[in-house]
Protein backbone atom coordinates (compact mmCIF):
# COMPACT_ATOMS: atom_id res chain seq x y z
CA UNK A 1 0.00 0.00 0.00
CA UNK A 2 1.21 3.49 -0.82
CA UNK A 3 0.98 4.79 2.75
CA UNK A 4 3.34 2.06 3.96
CA UNK A 5 5.88 2.96 1.26
CA UNK A 6 5.66 6.65 2.20
CA UNK A 7 5.94 5.81 5.91
CA UNK A 8 9.02 3.68 5.32
CA UNK A 9 10.83 6.12 2.99
CA UNK A 10 9.70 9.64 3.90
CA UNK A 11 8.40 9.65 7.48
CA UNK A 12 10.66 9.77 10.54
CA UNK A 13 11.11 6.24 11.95
CA UNK A 14 9.52 7.20 15.28
CA UNK A 15 6.34 8.31 13.47
CA UNK A 16 6.25 5.69 10.71
CA UNK A 17 4.05 3.18 12.55
CA UNK A 18 1.27 5.75 13.10
CA UNK A 19 1.29 7.17 9.55
CA UNK A 20 -0.56 4.30 7.77
CA UNK A 21 -3.13 4.16 10.58
CA UNK A 22 -3.83 7.88 10.22
CA UNK A 23 -4.37 7.56 6.44
CA UNK A 24 -6.34 4.30 6.64
CA UNK A 25 -9.02 4.77 3.95
CA UNK A 26 -11.27 2.16 5.57
CA UNK A 27 -11.74 4.35 8.67
CA UNK A 28 -10.90 7.89 7.59
CA UNK A 29 -14.50 8.94 6.89
CA UNK A 30 -15.91 7.77 10.21
CA UNK A 31 -13.14 9.12 12.45
CA UNK A 32 -14.08 12.83 12.25
CA UNK A 33 -17.46 12.07 13.83
CA UNK A 34 -15.59 10.48 16.75
CA UNK A 35 -13.02 13.29 17.01
CA UNK A 36 -13.19 15.61 19.96
CA UNK A 37 -13.47 18.53 20.57
CA UNK A 38 -13.86 19.35 16.88
CA UNK A 39 -14.70 17.19 13.86
CA UNK A 40 -11.25 17.41 12.30
CA UNK A 41 -8.49 14.87 11.95
CA UNK A 42 -5.14 16.22 12.98
CA UNK A 43 -1.86 14.43 12.54
CA UNK A 44 1.75 15.55 12.57
CA UNK A 45 4.49 13.40 11.12
CA UNK A 46 8.14 14.35 10.99
CA UNK A 47 10.11 13.91 7.78
CA UNK A 48 12.87 11.35 7.64
CA UNK A 49 16.37 12.76 7.29
CA UNK A 50 17.18 10.25 4.57
CA UNK A 51 14.52 11.73 2.27
CA UNK A 52 16.79 14.78 1.96
CA UNK A 53 19.84 12.73 1.02
CA UNK A 54 21.22 12.91 4.57
CA UNK A 55 21.64 10.17 7.07
CA UNK A 56 21.18 10.62 10.80
CA UNK A 57 24.18 12.17 12.46
CA UNK A 58 25.48 14.00 9.39
PDB file of N, CA and C in Angstrom:
ATOM      1  N   UNK A   1       0.837  -1.174   0.000  1.00  0.00           N
ATOM      2  CA  UNK A   1       0.000   0.000   0.000  1.00  0.00           C
ATOM      3  C   UNK A   1       0.884   1.240   0.000  1.00  0.00           C
ATOM      4  N   UNK A   2       0.429   2.267  -0.650  1.00  0.00           N
ATOM      5  CA  UNK A   2       1.209   3.491  -0.819  1.00  0.00           C
ATOM      6  C   UNK A   2       1.586   4.145   0.516  1.00  0.00           C
ATOM      7  N   UNK A   3       0.669   4.145   1.474  1.00  0.00           N
ATOM      8  CA  UNK A   3       0.982   4.790   2.755  1.00  0.00           C
ATOM      9  C   UNK A   3       2.121   4.084   3.478  1.00  0.00           C
ATOM     10  N   UNK A   4       2.244   2.792   3.318  1.00  0.00           N
ATOM     11  CA  UNK A   4       3.342   2.057   3.957  1.00  0.00           C
ATOM     12  C   UNK A   4       4.671   2.394   3.301  1.00  0.00           C
ATOM     13  N   UNK A   5       4.665   2.575   1.980  1.00  0.00           N
ATOM     14  CA  UNK A   5       5.884   2.964   1.261  1.00  0.00           C
ATOM     15  C   UNK A   5       6.308   4.362   1.699  1.00  0.00           C
ATOM     16  N   UNK A   6       5.355   5.277   1.760  1.00  0.00           N
ATOM     17  CA  UNK A   6       5.659   6.646   2.204  1.00  0.00           C
ATOM     18  C   UNK A   6       6.181   6.630   3.631  1.00  0.00           C
ATOM     19  N   UNK A   7       5.512   5.887   4.511  1.00  0.00           N
ATOM     20  CA  UNK A   7       5.943   5.815   5.907  1.00  0.00           C
ATOM     21  C   UNK A   7       7.369   5.297   6.019  1.00  0.00           C
ATOM     22  N   UNK A   8       7.693   4.294   5.247  1.00  0.00           N
ATOM     23  CA  UNK A   8       9.023   3.680   5.316  1.00  0.00           C
ATOM     24  C   UNK A   8      10.107   4.596   4.745  1.00  0.00           C
ATOM     25  N   UNK A   9       9.787   5.364   3.694  1.00  0.00           N
ATOM     26  CA  UNK A   9      10.828   6.120   2.994  1.00  0.00           C
ATOM     27  C   UNK A   9      10.866   7.603   3.342  1.00  0.00           C
ATOM     28  N   UNK A  10       9.741   8.194   3.726  1.00  0.00           N
ATOM     29  CA  UNK A  10       9.702   9.644   3.897  1.00  0.00           C
ATOM     30  C   UNK A  10       9.376  10.126   5.310  1.00  0.00           C
ATOM     31  N   UNK A  11       8.829   9.253   6.135  1.00  0.00           N
ATOM     32  CA  UNK A  11       8.403   9.651   7.475  1.00  0.00           C
ATOM     33  C   UNK A  11       9.457   9.217   8.485  1.00  0.00           C
ATOM     34  N   UNK A  12       9.695  10.067   9.468  1.00  0.00           N
ATOM     35  CA  UNK A  12      10.661   9.766  10.537  1.00  0.00           C
ATOM     36  C   UNK A  12      10.336   8.409  11.146  1.00  0.00           C
ATOM     37  N   UNK A  13      11.343   7.591  11.425  1.00  0.00           N
ATOM     38  CA  UNK A  13      11.108   6.240  11.945  1.00  0.00           C
ATOM     39  C   UNK A  13      10.234   6.188  13.206  1.00  0.00           C
ATOM     40  N   UNK A  14      10.330   7.189  14.065  1.00  0.00           N
ATOM     41  CA  UNK A  14       9.517   7.203  15.282  1.00  0.00           C
ATOM     42  C   UNK A  14       8.038   7.449  14.992  1.00  0.00           C
ATOM     43  N   UNK A  15       7.726   8.013  13.834  1.00  0.00           N
ATOM     44  CA  UNK A  15       6.339   8.313  13.467  1.00  0.00           C
ATOM     45  C   UNK A  15       5.782   7.346  12.428  1.00  0.00           C
ATOM     46  N   UNK A  16       6.630   6.519  11.852  1.00  0.00           N
ATOM     47  CA  UNK A  16       6.249   5.690  10.707  1.00  0.00           C
ATOM     48  C   UNK A  16       5.136   4.687  11.016  1.00  0.00           C
ATOM     49  N   UNK A  17       5.088   4.163  12.218  1.00  0.00           N
ATOM     50  CA  UNK A  17       4.049   3.179  12.547  1.00  0.00           C
ATOM     51  C   UNK A  17       2.660   3.807  12.597  1.00  0.00           C
ATOM     52  N   UNK A  18       2.570   5.068  12.983  1.00  0.00           N
ATOM     53  CA  UNK A  18       1.271   5.746  13.099  1.00  0.00           C
ATOM     54  C   UNK A  18       0.774   6.299  11.764  1.00  0.00           C
ATOM     55  N   UNK A  19       1.658   6.545  10.822  1.00  0.00           N
ATOM     56  CA  UNK A  19       1.287   7.168   9.553  1.00  0.00           C
ATOM     57  C   UNK A  19       0.252   6.363   8.761  1.00  0.00           C
ATOM     58  N   UNK A  20       0.459   5.066   8.519  1.00  0.00           N
ATOM     59  CA  UNK A  20      -0.559   4.304   7.769  1.00  0.00           C
ATOM     60  C   UNK A  20      -1.903   4.232   8.500  1.00  0.00           C
ATOM     61  N   UNK A  21      -1.868   4.183   9.831  1.00  0.00           N
ATOM     62  CA  UNK A  21      -3.126   4.162  10.583  1.00  0.00           C
ATOM     63  C   UNK A  21      -3.893   5.463  10.401  1.00  0.00           C
ATOM     64  N   UNK A  22      -3.180   6.577  10.396  1.00  0.00           N
ATOM     65  CA  UNK A  22      -3.835   7.878  10.216  1.00  0.00           C
ATOM     66  C   UNK A  22      -4.505   7.970   8.851  1.00  0.00           C
ATOM     67  N   UNK A  23      -3.850   7.476   7.808  1.00  0.00           N
ATOM     68  CA  UNK A  23      -4.368   7.563   6.443  1.00  0.00           C
ATOM     69  C   UNK A  23      -5.144   6.315   6.012  1.00  0.00           C
ATOM     70  N   UNK A  24      -5.580   5.509   6.948  1.00  0.00           N
ATOM     71  CA  UNK A  24      -6.343   4.303   6.641  1.00  0.00           C
ATOM     72  C   UNK A  24      -7.672   4.688   5.980  1.00  0.00           C
ATOM     73  N   UNK A  25      -7.823   4.368   4.707  1.00  0.00           N
ATOM     74  CA  UNK A  25      -9.018   4.766   3.950  1.00  0.00           C
ATOM     75  C   UNK A  25     -10.275   4.022   4.388  1.00  0.00           C
ATOM     76  N   UNK A  26     -10.109   2.905   5.079  1.00  0.00           N
ATOM     77  CA  UNK A  26     -11.270   2.165   5.568  1.00  0.00           C
ATOM     78  C   UNK A  26     -11.937   2.855   6.753  1.00  0.00           C
ATOM     79  N   UNK A  27     -11.187   3.695   7.474  1.00  0.00           N
ATOM     80  CA  UNK A  27     -11.743   4.347   8.666  1.00  0.00           C
ATOM     81  C   UNK A  27     -11.725   5.871   8.619  1.00  0.00           C
ATOM     82  N   UNK A  28     -11.119   6.449   7.595  1.00  0.00           N
ATOM     83  CA  UNK A  28     -10.900   7.894   7.586  1.00  0.00           C
ATOM     84  C   UNK A  28     -12.200   8.714   7.567  1.00  0.00           C
ATOM     85  N   UNK A  29     -13.246   8.187   6.964  1.00  0.00           N
ATOM     86  CA  UNK A  29     -14.496   8.945   6.885  1.00  0.00           C
ATOM     87  C   UNK A  29     -15.288   8.910   8.193  1.00  0.00           C
ATOM     88  N   UNK A  30     -15.141   7.866   8.970  1.00  0.00           N
ATOM     89  CA  UNK A  30     -15.906   7.774  10.212  1.00  0.00           C
ATOM     90  C   UNK A  30     -15.193   8.422  11.397  1.00  0.00           C
ATOM     91  N   UNK A  31     -13.891   8.573  11.314  1.00  0.00           N
ATOM     92  CA  UNK A  31     -13.137   9.119  12.450  1.00  0.00           C
ATOM     93  C   UNK A  31     -13.454  10.563  12.787  1.00  0.00           C
ATOM     94  N   UNK A  32     -13.748  11.460  11.839  1.00  0.00           N
ATOM     95  CA  UNK A  32     -14.081  12.835  12.251  1.00  0.00           C
ATOM     96  C   UNK A  32     -15.316  12.910  13.154  1.00  0.00           C
ATOM     97  N   UNK A  33     -16.275  12.032  12.970  1.00  0.00           N
ATOM     98  CA  UNK A  33     -17.458  12.072  13.830  1.00  0.00           C
ATOM     99  C   UNK A  33     -17.134  11.641  15.255  1.00  0.00           C
ATOM    100  N   UNK A  34     -16.023  10.904  15.423  1.00  0.00           N
ATOM    101  CA  UNK A  34     -15.592  10.485  16.753  1.00  0.00           C
ATOM    102  C   UNK A  34     -14.541  11.418  17.350  1.00  0.00           C
ATOM    103  N   UNK A  35     -14.081  12.388  16.556  1.00  0.00           N
ATOM    104  CA  UNK A  35     -13.024  13.291  17.012  1.00  0.00           C
ATOM    105  C   UNK A  35     -13.592  14.301  18.006  1.00  0.00           C
ATOM    106  N   UNK A  36     -12.757  14.667  18.938  1.00  0.00           N
ATOM    107  CA  UNK A  36     -13.194  15.606  19.958  1.00  0.00           C
ATOM    108  C   UNK A  36     -12.028  16.540  20.249  1.00  0.00           C
ATOM    109  N   UNK A  37     -12.218  17.804  20.431  1.00  0.00           N
ATOM    110  CA  UNK A  37     -13.469  18.527  20.574  1.00  0.00           C
ATOM    111  C   UNK A  37     -14.062  19.019  19.250  1.00  0.00           C
ATOM    112  N   UNK A  38     -13.331  18.889  18.165  1.00  0.00           N
ATOM    113  CA  UNK A  38     -13.860  19.350  16.883  1.00  0.00           C
ATOM    114  C   UNK A  38     -13.800  18.216  15.863  1.00  0.00           C
ATOM    115  N   UNK A  39     -14.644  18.286  14.843  1.00  0.00           N
ATOM    116  CA  UNK A  39     -14.703  17.187  13.860  1.00  0.00           C
ATOM    117  C   UNK A  39     -13.610  17.246  12.790  1.00  0.00           C
ATOM    118  N   UNK A  40     -12.380  17.369  13.220  1.00  0.00           N
ATOM    119  CA  UNK A  40     -11.248  17.414  12.301  1.00  0.00           C
ATOM    120  C   UNK A  40     -10.250  16.328  12.675  1.00  0.00           C
ATOM    121  N   UNK A  41      -9.597  15.794  11.695  1.00  0.00           N
ATOM    122  CA  UNK A  41      -8.493  14.872  11.947  1.00  0.00           C
ATOM    123  C   UNK A  41      -7.199  15.666  11.903  1.00  0.00           C
ATOM    124  N   UNK A  42      -6.413  15.526  12.916  1.00  0.00           N
ATOM    125  CA  UNK A  42      -5.136  16.218  12.977  1.00  0.00           C
ATOM    126  C   UNK A  42      -4.033  15.201  13.192  1.00  0.00           C
ATOM    127  N   UNK A  43      -3.007  15.311  12.388  1.00  0.00           N
ATOM    128  CA  UNK A  43      -1.859  14.432  12.544  1.00  0.00           C
ATOM    129  C   UNK A  43      -0.599  15.168  12.145  1.00  0.00           C
ATOM    130  N   UNK A  44       0.452  14.960  12.892  1.00  0.00           N
ATOM    131  CA  UNK A  44       1.746  15.553  12.569  1.00  0.00           C
ATOM    132  C   UNK A  44       2.763  14.435  12.471  1.00  0.00           C
ATOM    133  N   UNK A  45       3.496  14.437  11.361  1.00  0.00           N
ATOM    134  CA  UNK A  45       4.492  13.396  11.123  1.00  0.00           C
ATOM    135  C   UNK A  45       5.778  14.065  10.656  1.00  0.00           C
ATOM    136  N   UNK A  46       6.846  13.769  11.353  1.00  0.00           N
ATOM    137  CA  UNK A  46       8.145  14.349  10.986  1.00  0.00           C
ATOM    138  C   UNK A  46       8.684  13.678   9.729  1.00  0.00           C
ATOM    139  N   UNK A  47       9.461  14.442   8.982  1.00  0.00           N
ATOM    140  CA  UNK A  47      10.111  13.911   7.780  1.00  0.00           C
ATOM    141  C   UNK A  47      11.365  13.147   8.174  1.00  0.00           C
ATOM    142  N   UNK A  48      11.636  12.111   7.420  1.00  0.00           N
ATOM    143  CA  UNK A  48      12.867  11.346   7.644  1.00  0.00           C
ATOM    144  C   UNK A  48      14.045  12.118   7.087  1.00  0.00           C
ATOM    145  N   UNK A  49      15.167  12.077   7.793  1.00  0.00           N
ATOM    146  CA  UNK A  49      16.372  12.755   7.295  1.00  0.00           C
ATOM    147  C   UNK A  49      16.814  12.191   5.970  1.00  0.00           C
ATOM    148  N   UNK A  50      16.674  10.894   5.782  1.00  0.00           N
ATOM    149  CA  UNK A  50      17.178  10.251   4.571  1.00  0.00           C
ATOM    150  C   UNK A  50      16.436  10.717   3.320  1.00  0.00           C
ATOM    151  N   UNK A  51      15.232  11.267   3.460  1.00  0.00           N
ATOM    152  CA  UNK A  51      14.521  11.730   2.271  1.00  0.00           C
ATOM    153  C   UNK A  51      15.161  12.986   1.697  1.00  0.00           C
ATOM    154  N   UNK A  52      16.075  13.606   2.442  1.00  0.00           N
ATOM    155  CA  UNK A  52      16.787  14.777   1.958  1.00  0.00           C
ATOM    156  C   UNK A  52      18.210  14.438   1.525  1.00  0.00           C
ATOM    157  N   UNK A  53      18.511  13.145   1.431  1.00  0.00           N
ATOM    158  CA  UNK A  53      19.840  12.727   1.024  1.00  0.00           C
ATOM    159  C   UNK A  53      20.843  12.790   2.152  1.00  0.00           C
ATOM    160  N   UNK A  54      20.350  12.872   3.396  1.00  0.00           N
ATOM    161  CA  UNK A  54      21.219  12.914   4.566  1.00  0.00           C
ATOM    162  C   UNK A  54      20.879  11.756   5.467  1.00  0.00           C
ATOM    163  N   UNK A  55      21.850  11.220   6.076  1.00  0.00           N
ATOM    164  CA  UNK A  55      21.640  10.168   7.066  1.00  0.00           C
ATOM    165  C   UNK A  55      21.689  10.791   8.445  1.00  0.00           C
ATOM    166  N   UNK A  56      21.153  10.135   9.431  1.00  0.00           N
ATOM    167  CA  UNK A  56      21.183  10.624  10.796  1.00  0.00           C
ATOM    168  C   UNK A  56      22.620  10.818  11.232  1.00  0.00           C
ATOM    169  N   UNK A  57      22.856  11.907  11.937  1.00  0.00           N
ATOM    170  CA  UNK A  57      24.181  12.166  12.463  1.00  0.00           C
ATOM    171  C   UNK A  57      25.075  12.942  11.527  1.00  0.00           C
ATOM    172  N   UNK A  58      24.632  13.221  10.316  1.00  0.00           N
ATOM    173  CA  UNK A  58      25.480  13.997   9.394  1.00  0.00           C
ATOM    174  C   UNK A  58      25.231  15.467   9.559  1.00  0.00           C
TER     175      UNK A  58
END
